[in-house]
């Protein structure tokens, strides 16, 4: 429990105690007020703890999502590099094949024209 929660709880207890004493501490109002304060405090603390747990789960999910996105981006970048390398190699091969074909056909034409 935080200091602010403890301070607010003490202030709430004091306020309800003042109200209860104004109506007589021994009466059913004092008992009901004390019970209500305890119930409200427990509900508030429970809500606060559940909210914190939910926020922590949300942060964990956000962190996992960002990490998955980063890994996906890295794997895509790696695949693009592989594709770029394959494209470069294919272009070199196409250039070489074109040169060999051109040399072959020119030689064959030269031979046939004699």
Protein backbone atom coordinates (compact mmCIF):
# COMPACT_ATOMS: atom_id res chain seq x y z
CA UNK A 1 0.00 0.00 0.00
CA UNK A 2 1.43 3.37 -0.92
CA UNK A 3 1.86 6.31 1.43
CA UNK A 4 -0.89 8.22 -0.36
CA UNK A 5 -3.26 5.28 0.07
CA UNK A 6 -2.40 5.01 3.77
CA UNK A 7 -2.86 8.75 4.27
CA UNK A 8 -6.18 8.73 2.40
CA UNK A 9 -7.28 5.69 4.37
CA UNK A 10 -6.43 7.38 7.67
CA UNK A 11 -8.30 10.50 6.59
CA UNK A 12 -11.31 8.42 5.59
CA UNK A 13 -11.22 6.55 8.90
CA UNK A 14 -11.04 9.84 10.79
CA UNK A 15 -13.95 11.31 8.83
CA UNK A 16 -16.17 8.28 9.42
CA UNK A 17 -15.11 8.16 13.09
CA UNK A 18 -16.14 11.80 13.48
CA UNK A 19 -19.49 11.10 11.86
CA UNK A 20 -19.98 8.00 13.99
CA UNK A 21 -19.15 9.85 17.20
CA UNK A 22 -21.58 12.62 16.26
CA UNK A 23 -24.35 10.02 16.14
CA UNK A 24 -23.04 8.03 19.08
CA UNK A 25 -20.32 5.44 18.70
CA UNK A 26 -22.29 2.73 20.42
CA UNK A 27 -25.16 2.78 17.91
CA UNK A 28 -25.70 0.71 14.83
CA UNK A 29 -24.63 3.64 12.63
CA UNK A 30 -21.10 3.57 14.07
CA UNK A 31 -20.83 -0.16 13.51
CA UNK A 32 -22.26 0.08 10.01
CA UNK A 33 -19.93 2.97 9.18
CA UNK A 34 -16.90 1.04 10.39
CA UNK A 35 -17.99 -2.00 8.38
CA UNK A 36 -18.59 0.16 5.29
CA UNK A 37 -15.18 1.82 5.58
CA UNK A 38 -13.47 -1.56 5.80
CA UNK A 39 -15.46 -2.90 2.87
CA UNK A 40 -14.77 0.18 0.73
CA UNK A 41 -11.08 0.07 1.60
CA UNK A 42 -10.80 -3.63 0.70
CA UNK A 43 -12.66 -3.04 -2.57
CA UNK A 44 -10.40 -0.09 -3.42
CA UNK A 45 -7.23 -2.02 -2.63
CA UNK A 46 -8.46 -4.99 -4.62
CA UNK A 47 -9.31 -2.76 -7.59
CA UNK A 48 -5.88 -1.09 -7.39
CA UNK A 49 -4.04 -4.42 -7.32
CA UNK A 50 -6.11 -5.83 -10.19
CA UNK A 51 -5.49 -2.66 -12.20
CA UNK A 52 -1.76 -2.92 -11.61
CA UNK A 53 -1.77 -6.58 -12.64
CA UNK A 54 -3.73 -5.74 -15.79
CA UNK A 55 -1.31 -2.95 -16.68
CA UNK A 56 1.66 -5.27 -16.16
CA UNK A 57 0.07 -7.88 -18.44
CA UNK A 58 -0.63 -5.16 -21.00
CA UNK A 59 3.00 -4.01 -20.86
CA UNK A 60 4.18 -7.61 -21.25
CA UNK A 61 1.93 -8.06 -24.29
CA UNK A 62 3.14 -4.76 -25.78
CA UNK A 63 6.77 -5.72 -25.20
CA UNK A 64 6.24 -9.16 -26.80
CA UNK A 65 4.47 -7.58 -29.80
CA UNK A 66 7.26 -5.06 -30.39
CA UNK A 67 9.91 -7.78 -30.06
CA UNK A 68 8.04 -9.98 -32.54
CA UNK A 69 7.81 -7.06 -34.97
CA UNK A 70 11.54 -6.37 -34.62
CA UNK A 71 12.37 -10.03 -35.28
CA UNK A 72 10.05 -10.07 -38.31
CA UNK A 73 11.70 -6.92 -39.64
CA UNK A 74 15.16 -8.44 -39.15
CA UNK A 75 14.19 -11.66 -40.91
CA UNK A 76 12.65 -9.72 -43.81
CA UNK A 77 15.81 -7.63 -44.07
CA UNK A 78 17.86 -10.83 -44.17
CA UNK A 79 15.60 -12.30 -46.85
CA UNK A 80 15.83 -9.12 -48.91
CA UNK A 81 19.62 -9.30 -48.74
CA UNK A 82 19.50 -12.90 -49.96
CA UNK A 83 17.10 -11.93 -52.75
CA UNK A 84 19.33 -8.98 -53.69
CA UNK A 85 22.36 -11.28 -53.82
CA UNK A 86 20.43 -13.80 -55.92
CA UNK A 87 19.28 -11.02 -58.27
CA UNK A 88 22.85 -9.76 -58.66
CA UNK A 89 24.04 -13.28 -59.40
CA UNK A 90 21.19 -13.86 -61.88
CA UNK A 91 22.00 -10.60 -63.65
CA UNK A 92 25.69 -11.53 -63.86
CA UNK A 93 24.74 -14.93 -65.23
CA UNK A 94 22.36 -13.37 -67.76
CA UNK A 95 25.10 -10.97 -68.87
CA UNK A 96 27.57 -13.83 -69.23
CA UNK A 97 25.02 -15.99 -71.09
CA UNK A 98 24.25 -13.10 -73.43
CA UNK A 99 27.94 -12.55 -74.11
CA UNK A 100 28.63 -16.25 -74.73
CA UNK A 101 25.57 -16.52 -77.01
CA UNK A 102 26.56 -13.42 -78.93
CA UNK A 103 30.12 -14.70 -79.38
CA UNK A 104 28.86 -18.13 -80.48
CA UNK A 105 26.31 -16.81 -82.96
CA UNK A 106 28.79 -14.29 -84.41
CA UNK A 107 31.39 -17.02 -84.83
CA UNK A 108 28.83 -19.34 -86.43
CA UNK A 109 27.70 -16.60 -88.84
CA UNK A 110 31.25 -15.76 -89.69
CA UNK A 111 31.96 -19.42 -90.40
CA UNK A 112 28.82 -19.81 -92.53
CA UNK A 113 29.51 -16.70 -94.54
CA UNK A 114 32.85 -18.03 -95.87
